[in-house]
């Protein structure tokens, strides 16, 4: 079989905007980057095979959520044994914990992981033994299960920062379940702190710039008390941005982008933090930011109004509320 027609098949579930399960689908991902969607029995084509550059094989691990033309699908299983065998041979997973003393180097670590060919699939800060640590799950697009474990360990440990890494593929499965699964550690959200929410948008992560933007935030002197990756559905995106409905003409585009991939939320803490962080983010009009505030985060990492790199809290009184929405409400769903 030619490599250009090799197919990987996955079973997915689709939920409507009210978070109700609609039905299951089969997604076929071809080696040339084309995608098709069928019903599970393959008797009906839902979407004909087309190129879809926003999706890569490494994003289709079990437990992930992917968005295809504004519809979010949750990957629940391999559709056949052949896909399981070939996918796990090509796309292994790895897990590591950034220890407390290394958290100031989080951006550097995430950039190195992405640079080694990994897709970062989950992140969460928790408190272990009285200290905040960051758990990272990454899926490789270049290495097998065992290869991913060794490549991840080599990549992060060579940086010289304090980290724990899973030693075997079996350890990865167990550690990920302990860290991210049902009944796992709660995130490190600090409800009483003066806070602002930083929400890193999907295009930044797809562009491979999660590490660089976190580094830029940290190097600017901002500290986060909590960090977590979320896969939002349309209902959550609309609810979060509801204050802009009827106010901003880009409302629909903004909400559509929030479900176009994972987002990373940070609770950033400090005195007068909302105003100071908003100032460093720059104008939401990216072209204006590039012209008058070229050193701001949006100028460096934004594309346009909807893909403006990140959302930050507008008003100081809303900082705690926005952080609570993500770190207390959505994290429990």
C-alpha atoms as a PDB file:
ATOM      1  CA  UNK A   1       0.000   0.000   0.000  1.00  0.00           C
ATOM      2  CA  UNK A   2       1.334   3.425  -0.916  1.00  0.00           C
ATOM      3  CA  UNK A   3       2.141   5.677   2.010  1.00  0.00           C
ATOM      4  CA  UNK A   4       0.028   8.454   0.486  1.00  0.00           C
ATOM      5  CA  UNK A   5      -3.168   6.417   0.918  1.00  0.00           C
ATOM      6  CA  UNK A   6      -2.404   4.837   4.327  1.00  0.00           C
ATOM      7  CA  UNK A   7      -5.433   5.449   6.523  1.00  0.00           C
ATOM      8  CA  UNK A   8      -5.843   5.742  10.284  1.00  0.00           C
ATOM      9  CA  UNK A   9      -9.420   5.325  11.504  1.00  0.00           C
ATOM     10  CA  UNK A  10     -10.818   6.621  14.797  1.00  0.00           C
ATOM     11  CA  UNK A  11     -14.200   6.501  16.498  1.00  0.00           C
ATOM     12  CA  UNK A  12     -15.410   9.883  17.728  1.00  0.00           C
ATOM     13  CA  UNK A  13     -18.400  11.389  19.500  1.00  0.00           C
ATOM     14  CA  UNK A  14     -20.032  14.691  18.606  1.00  0.00           C
ATOM     15  CA  UNK A  15     -21.897  16.838  21.134  1.00  0.00           C
ATOM     16  CA  UNK A  16     -24.312  19.617  20.157  1.00  0.00           C
ATOM     17  CA  UNK A  17     -24.194  23.188  21.503  1.00  0.00           C
ATOM     18  CA  UNK A  18     -26.191  22.096  24.576  1.00  0.00           C
ATOM     19  CA  UNK A  19     -23.504  19.533  25.415  1.00  0.00           C
ATOM     20  CA  UNK A  20     -25.807  16.667  24.496  1.00  0.00           C
ATOM     21  CA  UNK A  21     -24.334  13.608  22.787  1.00  0.00           C
ATOM     22  CA  UNK A  22     -25.543  13.548  19.195  1.00  0.00           C
ATOM     23  CA  UNK A  23     -23.936  10.454  17.718  1.00  0.00           C
ATOM     24  CA  UNK A  24     -20.739   8.626  16.959  1.00  0.00           C
ATOM     25  CA  UNK A  25     -18.698   9.042  13.802  1.00  0.00           C
ATOM     26  CA  UNK A  26     -15.684   7.446  12.178  1.00  0.00           C
ATOM     27  CA  UNK A  27     -12.869   9.784  11.145  1.00  0.00           C
ATOM     28  CA  UNK A  28     -10.448   8.479   8.542  1.00  0.00           C
ATOM     29  CA  UNK A  29      -7.141  10.345   8.501  1.00  0.00           C
ATOM     30  CA  UNK A  30      -4.954   9.707   5.432  1.00  0.00           C
ATOM     31  CA  UNK A  31      -1.174   9.982   5.257  1.00  0.00           C
ATOM     32  CA  UNK A  32      -1.422  12.837   2.741  1.00  0.00           C
ATOM     33  CA  UNK A  33      -3.292  14.993   5.282  1.00  0.00           C
ATOM     34  CA  UNK A  34      -6.773  14.458   3.874  1.00  0.00           C
ATOM     35  CA  UNK A  35      -9.718  13.611   6.134  1.00  0.00           C
ATOM     36  CA  UNK A  36     -13.153  12.067   5.699  1.00  0.00           C
ATOM     37  CA  UNK A  37     -15.983  11.479   8.164  1.00  0.00           C
ATOM     38  CA  UNK A  38     -18.408   8.557   7.968  1.00  0.00           C
ATOM     39  CA  UNK A  39     -20.923   6.851  10.203  1.00  0.00           C
ATOM     40  CA  UNK A  40     -19.336   4.061  12.294  1.00  0.00           C
ATOM     41  CA  UNK A  41     -20.514   1.295   9.949  1.00  0.00           C
ATOM     42  CA  UNK A  42     -19.049   3.165   6.951  1.00  0.00           C
ATOM     43  CA  UNK A  43     -22.366   2.987   5.099  1.00  0.00           C
ATOM     44  CA  UNK A  44     -22.820   6.753   4.847  1.00  0.00           C
ATOM     45  CA  UNK A  45     -20.345   9.543   4.087  1.00  0.00           C
ATOM     46  CA  UNK A  46     -20.808  12.577   6.320  1.00  0.00           C
ATOM     47  CA  UNK A  47     -17.894  14.573   4.882  1.00  0.00           C
ATOM     48  CA  UNK A  48     -16.115  13.653   1.676  1.00  0.00           C
ATOM     49  CA  UNK A  49     -12.342  13.234   1.753  1.00  0.00           C
ATOM     50  CA  UNK A  50     -10.684  16.656   1.600  1.00  0.00           C
ATOM     51  CA  UNK A  51      -7.402  18.259   2.705  1.00  0.00           C
ATOM     52  CA  UNK A  52      -7.588  19.691   6.239  1.00  0.00           C
ATOM     53  CA  UNK A  53      -4.257  21.183   7.269  1.00  0.00           C
ATOM     54  CA  UNK A  54      -5.494  22.191  10.739  1.00  0.00           C
ATOM     55  CA  UNK A  55      -5.506  18.517  11.771  1.00  0.00           C
ATOM     56  CA  UNK A  56      -2.454  16.298  12.235  1.00  0.00           C
ATOM     57  CA  UNK A  57      -2.131  12.643  13.154  1.00  0.00           C
ATOM     58  CA  UNK A  58      -0.556  13.439  16.508  1.00  0.00           C
ATOM     59  CA  UNK A  59      -3.719  15.290  17.564  1.00  0.00           C
ATOM     60  CA  UNK A  60      -5.877  12.149  17.243  1.00  0.00           C
ATOM     61  CA  UNK A  61      -4.891  10.327  20.422  1.00  0.00           C
ATOM     62  CA  UNK A  62      -7.576   8.706  22.559  1.00  0.00           C
ATOM     63  CA  UNK A  63      -9.151  11.295  24.867  1.00  0.00           C
ATOM     64  CA  UNK A  64      -8.419  14.323  22.689  1.00  0.00           C
ATOM     65  CA  UNK A  65     -10.939  16.718  21.175  1.00  0.00           C
ATOM     66  CA  UNK A  66     -10.510  18.004  17.619  1.00  0.00           C
ATOM     67  CA  UNK A  67     -12.475  20.611  15.714  1.00  0.00           C
ATOM     68  CA  UNK A  68     -13.267  20.139  12.030  1.00  0.00           C
ATOM     69  CA  UNK A  69     -15.158  22.975  10.360  1.00  0.00           C
ATOM     70  CA  UNK A  70     -16.442  24.335  13.707  1.00  0.00           C
ATOM     71  CA  UNK A  71     -17.660  20.938  14.914  1.00  0.00           C
ATOM     72  CA  UNK A  72     -15.847  19.436  17.868  1.00  0.00           C
ATOM     73  CA  UNK A  73     -15.306  15.681  17.961  1.00  0.00           C
ATOM     74  CA  UNK A  74     -14.067  13.708  20.977  1.00  0.00           C
ATOM     75  CA  UNK A  75     -11.770  10.831  20.045  1.00  0.00           C
ATOM     76  CA  UNK A  76     -12.948   7.798  22.028  1.00  0.00           C
ATOM     77  CA  UNK A  77     -11.330   4.760  20.398  1.00  0.00           C
ATOM     78  CA  UNK A  78      -9.512   3.307  17.427  1.00  0.00           C
ATOM     79  CA  UNK A  79     -11.912   2.104  14.742  1.00  0.00           C
ATOM     80  CA  UNK A  80      -9.849  -1.021  14.072  1.00  0.00           C
ATOM     81  CA  UNK A  81      -6.919  -3.009  15.398  1.00  0.00           C
ATOM     82  CA  UNK A  82      -4.729  -2.005  12.455  1.00  0.00           C
ATOM     83  CA  UNK A  83      -5.012   1.684  13.320  1.00  0.00           C
ATOM     84  CA  UNK A  84      -4.189   0.981  16.975  1.00  0.00           C
ATOM     85  CA  UNK A  85      -1.038  -0.894  16.022  1.00  0.00           C
ATOM     86  CA  UNK A  86       0.181   1.603  13.426  1.00  0.00           C
ATOM     87  CA  UNK A  87      -0.778   4.705  15.403  1.00  0.00           C
ATOM     88  CA  UNK A  88       1.010   3.540  18.558  1.00  0.00           C
ATOM     89  CA  UNK A  89       4.040   2.639  16.453  1.00  0.00           C
ATOM     90  CA  UNK A  90       4.155   6.131  14.927  1.00  0.00           C
ATOM     91  CA  UNK A  91       2.707   8.357  17.660  1.00  0.00           C
ATOM     92  CA  UNK A  92       3.772   7.548  21.196  1.00  0.00           C
ATOM     93  CA  UNK A  93       2.863   9.495  24.330  1.00  0.00           C
ATOM     94  CA  UNK A  94       5.022  10.801  27.143  1.00  0.00           C
ATOM     95  CA  UNK A  95       4.428  12.431  30.509  1.00  0.00           C
ATOM     96  CA  UNK A  96       6.470  14.612  32.803  1.00  0.00           C
ATOM     97  CA  UNK A  97       6.152  16.847  35.856  1.00  0.00           C
ATOM     98  CA  UNK A  98       7.850  20.239  36.050  1.00  0.00           C
ATOM     99  CA  UNK A  99       8.831  20.602  39.684  1.00  0.00           C
ATOM    100  CA  UNK A 100       8.187  23.773  41.652  1.00  0.00           C
ATOM    101  CA  UNK A 101      11.691  25.213  41.405  1.00  0.00           C
ATOM    102  CA  UNK A 102      11.592  24.844  37.603  1.00  0.00           C
ATOM    103  CA  UNK A 103       8.213  26.526  37.034  1.00  0.00           C
ATOM    104  CA  UNK A 104       9.896  29.852  36.084  1.00  0.00           C
ATOM    105  CA  UNK A 105      11.301  27.940  33.079  1.00  0.00           C
ATOM    106  CA  UNK A 106       7.908  26.547  31.986  1.00  0.00           C
ATOM    107  CA  UNK A 107       7.944  28.379  28.664  1.00  0.00           C
ATOM    108  CA  UNK A 108      11.422  27.109  27.800  1.00  0.00           C
ATOM    109  CA  UNK A 109      10.417  23.530  28.666  1.00  0.00           C
ATOM    110  CA  UNK A 110       7.200  23.639  26.609  1.00  0.00           C
ATOM    111  CA  UNK A 111       9.071  25.121  23.646  1.00  0.00           C
ATOM    112  CA  UNK A 112      11.667  22.346  23.797  1.00  0.00           C
ATOM    113  CA  UNK A 113       8.951  19.671  23.929  1.00  0.00           C
ATOM    114  CA  UNK A 114       7.213  21.125  20.872  1.00  0.00           C
ATOM    115  CA  UNK A 115      10.532  21.544  19.091  1.00  0.00           C
ATOM    116  CA  UNK A 116      11.215  17.816  19.551  1.00  0.00           C
ATOM    117  CA  UNK A 117       8.111  17.016  17.486  1.00  0.00           C
ATOM    118  CA  UNK A 118       5.561  16.580  20.276  1.00  0.00           C
ATOM    119  CA  UNK A 119       1.997  17.907  20.342  1.00  0.00           C
ATOM    120  CA  UNK A 120       1.159  19.031  23.871  1.00  0.00           C
ATOM    121  CA  UNK A 121      -2.135  17.338  24.657  1.00  0.00           C
ATOM    122  CA  UNK A 122      -2.736  18.240  28.297  1.00  0.00           C
ATOM    123  CA  UNK A 123      -1.376  20.502  31.017  1.00  0.00           C
ATOM    124  CA  UNK A 124      -2.347  21.140  34.609  1.00  0.00           C
ATOM    125  CA  UNK A 125      -0.747  22.628  37.703  1.00  0.00           C
ATOM    126  CA  UNK A 126      -1.555  20.898  40.991  1.00  0.00           C
ATOM    127  CA  UNK A 127      -0.273  21.049  44.549  1.00  0.00           C
ATOM    128  CA  UNK A 128       1.829  18.030  45.570  1.00  0.00           C
ATOM    129  CA  UNK A 129       3.544  17.817  48.953  1.00  0.00           C
ATOM    130  CA  UNK A 130       2.725  21.472  49.559  1.00  0.00           C
ATOM    131  CA  UNK A 131       4.296  22.725  46.311  1.00  0.00           C
ATOM    132  CA  UNK A 132       2.808  23.670  42.943  1.00  0.00           C
ATOM    133  CA  UNK A 133       3.965  21.483  40.047  1.00  0.00           C
ATOM    134  CA  UNK A 134       2.978  21.238  36.376  1.00  0.00           C
ATOM    135  CA  UNK A 135       2.024  17.970  34.676  1.00  0.00           C
ATOM    136  CA  UNK A 136       2.574  17.734  30.910  1.00  0.00           C
ATOM    137  CA  UNK A 137       1.228  15.051  28.567  1.00  0.00           C
ATOM    138  CA  UNK A 138       2.662  15.124  25.045  1.00  0.00           C
ATOM    139  CA  UNK A 139       2.002  13.048  21.940  1.00  0.00           C
ATOM    140  CA  UNK A 140       4.811  12.474  19.454  1.00  0.00           C
ATOM    141  CA  UNK A 141       4.331  12.647  15.690  1.00  0.00           C
ATOM    142  CA  UNK A 142       7.759  11.116  15.084  1.00  0.00           C
ATOM    143  CA  UNK A 143       8.323   8.315  17.607  1.00  0.00           C
ATOM    144  CA  UNK A 144       6.782   5.044  18.797  1.00  0.00           C
ATOM    145  CA  UNK A 145       5.479   4.507  22.323  1.00  0.00           C
ATOM    146  CA  UNK A 146       8.897   3.558  23.720  1.00  0.00           C
ATOM    147  CA  UNK A 147      10.677   6.022  21.465  1.00  0.00           C
ATOM    148  CA  UNK A 148       8.463   8.879  22.654  1.00  0.00           C
ATOM    149  CA  UNK A 149       9.266   8.147  26.290  1.00  0.00           C
ATOM    150  CA  UNK A 150      13.019   8.217  25.710  1.00  0.00           C
ATOM    151  CA  UNK A 151      12.899  11.232  23.362  1.00  0.00           C
ATOM    152  CA  UNK A 152      10.795  13.223  25.840  1.00  0.00           C
ATOM    153  CA  UNK A 153      13.145  12.338  28.720  1.00  0.00           C
ATOM    154  CA  UNK A 154      16.219  13.265  26.707  1.00  0.00           C
ATOM    155  CA  UNK A 155      14.649  16.536  25.582  1.00  0.00           C
ATOM    156  CA  UNK A 156      13.533  17.861  28.954  1.00  0.00           C
ATOM    157  CA  UNK A 157      16.259  16.460  31.203  1.00  0.00           C
ATOM    158  CA  UNK A 158      19.014  17.877  28.981  1.00  0.00           C
ATOM    159  CA  UNK A 159      17.669  21.339  29.795  1.00  0.00           C
ATOM    160  CA  UNK A 160      19.008  20.882  33.314  1.00  0.00           C
ATOM    161  CA  UNK A 161      15.765  21.735  35.126  1.00  0.00           C
ATOM    162  CA  UNK A 162      14.194  19.719  37.936  1.00  0.00           C
ATOM    163  CA  UNK A 163      11.650  17.312  36.391  1.00  0.00           C
ATOM    164  CA  UNK A 164      10.111  13.892  36.763  1.00  0.00           C
ATOM    165  CA  UNK A 165       9.476  11.841  33.602  1.00  0.00           C
ATOM    166  CA  UNK A 166       7.578   8.577  33.163  1.00  0.00           C
ATOM    167  CA  UNK A 167      10.071   5.756  32.554  1.00  0.00           C
ATOM    168  CA  UNK A 168       7.970   3.372  30.426  1.00  0.00           C
ATOM    169  CA  UNK A 169       4.852   3.477  28.206  1.00  0.00           C
ATOM    170  CA  UNK A 170       2.970   1.704  31.005  1.00  0.00           C
ATOM    171  CA  UNK A 171       4.061   4.400  33.450  1.00  0.00           C
ATOM    172  CA  UNK A 172       2.819   7.066  31.013  1.00  0.00           C
ATOM    173  CA  UNK A 173      -0.673   5.545  30.981  1.00  0.00           C
ATOM    174  CA  UNK A 174      -0.785   5.274  34.780  1.00  0.00           C
ATOM    175  CA  UNK A 175       0.722   8.707  35.446  1.00  0.00           C
ATOM    176  CA  UNK A 176      -1.630  10.434  32.985  1.00  0.00           C
ATOM    177  CA  UNK A 177      -4.636   8.748  34.561  1.00  0.00           C
ATOM    178  CA  UNK A 178      -3.466   9.723  38.053  1.00  0.00           C
ATOM    179  CA  UNK A 179      -2.809  13.311  37.008  1.00  0.00           C
ATOM    180  CA  UNK A 180      -5.639  14.036  34.544  1.00  0.00           C
ATOM    181  CA  UNK A 181      -8.227  11.254  34.924  1.00  0.00           C
ATOM    182  CA  UNK A 182     -11.439  11.140  36.933  1.00  0.00           C
ATOM    183  CA  UNK A 183     -10.741  11.628  40.618  1.00  0.00           C
ATOM    184  CA  UNK A 184      -7.293  13.059  39.902  1.00  0.00           C
ATOM    185  CA  UNK A 185      -5.555  15.967  41.606  1.00  0.00           C
ATOM    186  CA  UNK A 186      -7.410  19.278  41.601  1.00  0.00           C
ATOM    187  CA  UNK A 187      -5.697  22.213  39.915  1.00  0.00           C
ATOM    188  CA  UNK A 188      -3.720  24.739  41.949  1.00  0.00           C
ATOM    189  CA  UNK A 189      -6.226  27.629  41.586  1.00  0.00           C
ATOM    190  CA  UNK A 190      -5.941  30.174  44.426  1.00  0.00           C
ATOM    191  CA  UNK A 191      -9.428  31.574  44.959  1.00  0.00           C
ATOM    192  CA  UNK A 192      -8.441  34.367  47.348  1.00  0.00           C
ATOM    193  CA  UNK A 193      -5.695  35.962  45.234  1.00  0.00           C
ATOM    194  CA  UNK A 194      -6.005  39.192  43.262  1.00  0.00           C
ATOM    195  CA  UNK A 195      -6.062  37.700  39.777  1.00  0.00           C
ATOM    196  CA  UNK A 196      -6.471  38.170  36.075  1.00  0.00           C
ATOM    197  CA  UNK A 197      -7.250  35.473  33.533  1.00  0.00           C
ATOM    198  CA  UNK A 198      -4.946  34.901  30.599  1.00  0.00           C
ATOM    199  CA  UNK A 199      -6.483  32.615  27.971  1.00  0.00           C
ATOM    200  CA  UNK A 200      -4.022  31.523  25.281  1.00  0.00           C
ATOM    201  CA  UNK A 201      -5.960  30.942  22.080  1.00  0.00           C
ATOM    202  CA  UNK A 202      -5.906  27.847  19.823  1.00  0.00           C
ATOM    203  CA  UNK A 203      -3.950  29.384  16.940  1.00  0.00           C
ATOM    204  CA  UNK A 204      -0.988  30.083  19.244  1.00  0.00           C
ATOM    205  CA  UNK A 205      -0.831  26.417  20.221  1.00  0.00           C
ATOM    206  CA  UNK A 206      -1.267  25.232  16.614  1.00  0.00           C
ATOM    207  CA  UNK A 207       1.498  27.604  15.505  1.00  0.00           C
ATOM    208  CA  UNK A 208       3.852  25.967  18.010  1.00  0.00           C
ATOM    209  CA  UNK A 209       4.077  29.168  20.048  1.00  0.00           C
ATOM    210  CA  UNK A 210       2.703  28.032  23.420  1.00  0.00           C
ATOM    211  CA  UNK A 211       6.204  27.834  24.888  1.00  0.00           C
ATOM    212  CA  UNK A 212       7.371  31.174  23.466  1.00  0.00           C
ATOM    213  CA  UNK A 213       4.280  33.075  24.646  1.00  0.00           C
ATOM    214  CA  UNK A 214       4.527  31.569  28.153  1.00  0.00           C
ATOM    215  CA  UNK A 215       8.219  32.548  28.184  1.00  0.00           C
ATOM    216  CA  UNK A 216       7.301  36.088  27.103  1.00  0.00           C
ATOM    217  CA  UNK A 217       4.741  36.299  29.928  1.00  0.00           C
ATOM    218  CA  UNK A 218       7.201  35.008  32.524  1.00  0.00           C
ATOM    219  CA  UNK A 219      10.090  37.145  31.300  1.00  0.00           C
ATOM    220  CA  UNK A 220       7.834  40.199  31.596  1.00  0.00           C
ATOM    221  CA  UNK A 221       7.636  39.537  35.326  1.00  0.00           C
ATOM    222  CA  UNK A 222       4.193  37.922  35.570  1.00  0.00           C
ATOM    223  CA  UNK A 223       3.624  34.867  37.759  1.00  0.00           C
ATOM    224  CA  UNK A 224       0.888  32.270  37.372  1.00  0.00           C
ATOM    225  CA  UNK A 225      -0.721  30.451  40.291  1.00  0.00           C
ATOM    226  CA  UNK A 226      -2.537  27.976  38.044  1.00  0.00           C
ATOM    227  CA  UNK A 227      -2.287  26.716  34.470  1.00  0.00           C
ATOM    228  CA  UNK A 228      -4.568  24.238  32.719  1.00  0.00           C
ATOM    229  CA  UNK A 229      -5.413  23.145  29.173  1.00  0.00           C
ATOM    230  CA  UNK A 230      -9.096  23.054  28.197  1.00  0.00           C
ATOM    231  CA  UNK A 231     -11.030  21.811  25.187  1.00  0.00           C
ATOM    232  CA  UNK A 232     -14.041  24.136  25.034  1.00  0.00           C
ATOM    233  CA  UNK A 233     -17.332  23.304  23.341  1.00  0.00           C
ATOM    234  CA  UNK A 234     -19.474  25.942  21.658  1.00  0.00           C
ATOM    235  CA  UNK A 235     -21.757  26.361  24.662  1.00  0.00           C
ATOM    236  CA  UNK A 236     -18.843  27.221  26.959  1.00  0.00           C
ATOM    237  CA  UNK A 237     -17.249  29.563  24.400  1.00  0.00           C
ATOM    238  CA  UNK A 238     -20.523  31.452  23.875  1.00  0.00           C
ATOM    239  CA  UNK A 239     -21.158  31.641  27.617  1.00  0.00           C
ATOM    240  CA  UNK A 240     -17.673  32.985  28.327  1.00  0.00           C
ATOM    241  CA  UNK A 241     -17.828  35.652  25.605  1.00  0.00           C
ATOM    242  CA  UNK A 242     -21.516  36.457  26.125  1.00  0.00           C
ATOM    243  CA  UNK A 243     -20.725  39.972  27.402  1.00  0.00           C
ATOM    244  CA  UNK A 244     -19.488  40.812  23.885  1.00  0.00           C
ATOM    245  CA  UNK A 245     -22.629  39.572  22.108  1.00  0.00           C
ATOM    246  CA  UNK A 246     -24.210  42.475  20.227  1.00  0.00           C
ATOM    247  CA  UNK A 247     -21.238  44.670  21.157  1.00  0.00           C
ATOM    248  CA  UNK A 248     -18.471  43.341  18.939  1.00  0.00           C
ATOM    249  CA  UNK A 249     -19.226  42.444  15.301  1.00  0.00           C
ATOM    250  CA  UNK A 250     -16.554  39.727  15.548  1.00  0.00           C
ATOM    251  CA  UNK A 251     -18.484  37.849  18.272  1.00  0.00           C
ATOM    252  CA  UNK A 252     -19.272  34.780  16.148  1.00  0.00           C
ATOM    253  CA  UNK A 253     -15.731  34.597  14.801  1.00  0.00           C
ATOM    254  CA  UNK A 254     -14.302  34.933  18.313  1.00  0.00           C
ATOM    255  CA  UNK A 255     -16.424  32.132  19.748  1.00  0.00           C
ATOM    256  CA  UNK A 256     -15.782  29.873  16.747  1.00  0.00           C
ATOM    257  CA  UNK A 257     -12.035  30.244  17.220  1.00  0.00           C
ATOM    258  CA  UNK A 258     -12.168  29.280  20.909  1.00  0.00           C
ATOM    259  CA  UNK A 259     -13.357  25.772  19.957  1.00  0.00           C
ATOM    260  CA  UNK A 260     -10.876  25.416  17.088  1.00  0.00           C
ATOM    261  CA  UNK A 261      -8.452  23.536  19.321  1.00  0.00           C
ATOM    262  CA  UNK A 262      -7.292  23.520  22.941  1.00  0.00           C
ATOM    263  CA  UNK A 263      -6.845  26.703  24.959  1.00  0.00           C
ATOM    264  CA  UNK A 264      -4.529  27.209  27.912  1.00  0.00           C
ATOM    265  CA  UNK A 265      -5.800  29.218  30.886  1.00  0.00           C
ATOM    266  CA  UNK A 266      -3.477  30.907  33.368  1.00  0.00           C
ATOM    267  CA  UNK A 267      -4.414  32.508  36.660  1.00  0.00           C
ATOM    268  CA  UNK A 268      -1.948  35.370  36.906  1.00  0.00           C
ATOM    269  CA  UNK A 269      -1.647  36.949  40.347  1.00  0.00           C
ATOM    270  CA  UNK A 270      -0.265  40.148  41.810  1.00  0.00           C
ATOM    271  CA  UNK A 271      -1.139  43.653  42.921  1.00  0.00           C
ATOM    272  CA  UNK A 272      -2.971  45.738  40.303  1.00  0.00           C
ATOM    273  CA  UNK A 273      -2.481  42.707  38.056  1.00  0.00           C
ATOM    274  CA  UNK A 274      -5.488  43.166  35.777  1.00  0.00           C
ATOM    275  CA  UNK A 275      -4.437  46.599  34.549  1.00  0.00           C
ATOM    276  CA  UNK A 276      -0.739  45.744  34.294  1.00  0.00           C
ATOM    277  CA  UNK A 277      -1.298  42.510  32.379  1.00  0.00           C
ATOM    278  CA  UNK A 278      -3.876  44.079  30.042  1.00  0.00           C
ATOM    279  CA  UNK A 279      -1.369  46.811  29.243  1.00  0.00           C
ATOM    280  CA  UNK A 280       1.284  44.231  28.330  1.00  0.00           C
ATOM    281  CA  UNK A 281      -1.171  42.294  26.146  1.00  0.00           C
ATOM    282  CA  UNK A 282      -1.662  45.356  23.946  1.00  0.00           C
ATOM    283  CA  UNK A 283      -4.587  46.421  21.730  1.00  0.00           C
ATOM    284  CA  UNK A 284      -6.943  43.648  20.641  1.00  0.00           C
ATOM    285  CA  UNK A 285      -6.670  45.125  17.141  1.00  0.00           C
ATOM    286  CA  UNK A 286      -3.548  43.228  16.135  1.00  0.00           C
ATOM    287  CA  UNK A 287      -2.586  45.518  13.262  1.00  0.00           C
ATOM    288  CA  UNK A 288      -2.768  48.497  15.604  1.00  0.00           C
ATOM    289  CA  UNK A 289      -0.741  46.605  18.198  1.00  0.00           C
ATOM    290  CA  UNK A 290       1.968  45.814  15.641  1.00  0.00           C
ATOM    291  CA  UNK A 291       2.153  49.480  14.675  1.00  0.00           C
ATOM    292  CA  UNK A 292       2.000  51.317  18.010  1.00  0.00           C
ATOM    293  CA  UNK A 293       2.870  48.593  20.589  1.00  0.00           C
ATOM    294  CA  UNK A 294       5.169  46.128  18.781  1.00  0.00           C
ATOM    295  CA  UNK A 295       6.577  44.586  21.969  1.00  0.00           C
ATOM    296  CA  UNK A 296       3.185  43.537  23.371  1.00  0.00           C
ATOM    297  CA  UNK A 297       2.006  39.914  23.353  1.00  0.00           C
ATOM    298  CA  UNK A 298      -0.700  40.481  20.733  1.00  0.00           C
ATOM    299  CA  UNK A 299       1.699  42.261  18.416  1.00  0.00           C
ATOM    300  CA  UNK A 300       4.170  39.379  18.666  1.00  0.00           C
ATOM    301  CA  UNK A 301       1.782  36.426  18.485  1.00  0.00           C
ATOM    302  CA  UNK A 302      -1.584  37.672  17.165  1.00  0.00           C
ATOM    303  CA  UNK A 303      -2.992  37.294  13.645  1.00  0.00           C
ATOM    304  CA  UNK A 304      -6.244  39.282  13.633  1.00  0.00           C
ATOM    305  CA  UNK A 305      -9.076  40.399  15.945  1.00  0.00           C
ATOM    306  CA  UNK A 306     -10.430  36.903  16.692  1.00  0.00           C
ATOM    307  CA  UNK A 307      -6.979  35.292  16.681  1.00  0.00           C
ATOM    308  CA  UNK A 308      -5.426  37.944  18.886  1.00  0.00           C
ATOM    309  CA  UNK A 309      -3.114  35.484  20.697  1.00  0.00           C
ATOM    310  CA  UNK A 310      -4.817  35.721  24.062  1.00  0.00           C
ATOM    311  CA  UNK A 311      -7.765  36.976  26.041  1.00  0.00           C
ATOM    312  CA  UNK A 312      -7.158  38.960  29.213  1.00  0.00           C
ATOM    313  CA  UNK A 313      -9.613  40.209  31.820  1.00  0.00           C
ATOM    314  CA  UNK A 314     -10.947  43.691  31.039  1.00  0.00           C
ATOM    315  CA  UNK A 315     -11.977  44.868  34.524  1.00  0.00           C
ATOM    316  CA  UNK A 316     -10.283  44.181  37.892  1.00  0.00           C
ATOM    317  CA  UNK A 317     -13.565  43.063  39.485  1.00  0.00           C
ATOM    318  CA  UNK A 318     -13.944  40.377  36.800  1.00  0.00           C
ATOM    319  CA  UNK A 319     -10.529  38.766  37.312  1.00  0.00           C
ATOM    320  CA  UNK A 320     -11.543  36.380  40.083  1.00  0.00           C
ATOM    321  CA  UNK A 321     -14.824  35.546  38.329  1.00  0.00           C
ATOM    322  CA  UNK A 322     -13.162  34.628  35.036  1.00  0.00           C
ATOM    323  CA  UNK A 323     -10.517  32.543  36.785  1.00  0.00           C
ATOM    324  CA  UNK A 324     -13.196  30.778  38.825  1.00  0.00           C
ATOM    325  CA  UNK A 325     -15.153  29.996  35.647  1.00  0.00           C
ATOM    326  CA  UNK A 326     -12.232  28.046  34.216  1.00  0.00           C
ATOM    327  CA  UNK A 327     -10.431  26.650  37.260  1.00  0.00           C
ATOM    328  CA  UNK A 328     -13.443  25.790  39.436  1.00  0.00           C
ATOM    329  CA  UNK A 329     -16.394  25.331  37.071  1.00  0.00           C
ATOM    330  CA  UNK A 330     -15.049  24.051  33.751  1.00  0.00           C
ATOM    331  CA  UNK A 331     -12.347  21.952  35.402  1.00  0.00           C
ATOM    332  CA  UNK A 332     -15.073  19.916  37.124  1.00  0.00           C
ATOM    333  CA  UNK A 333     -17.050  19.167  33.951  1.00  0.00           C
END
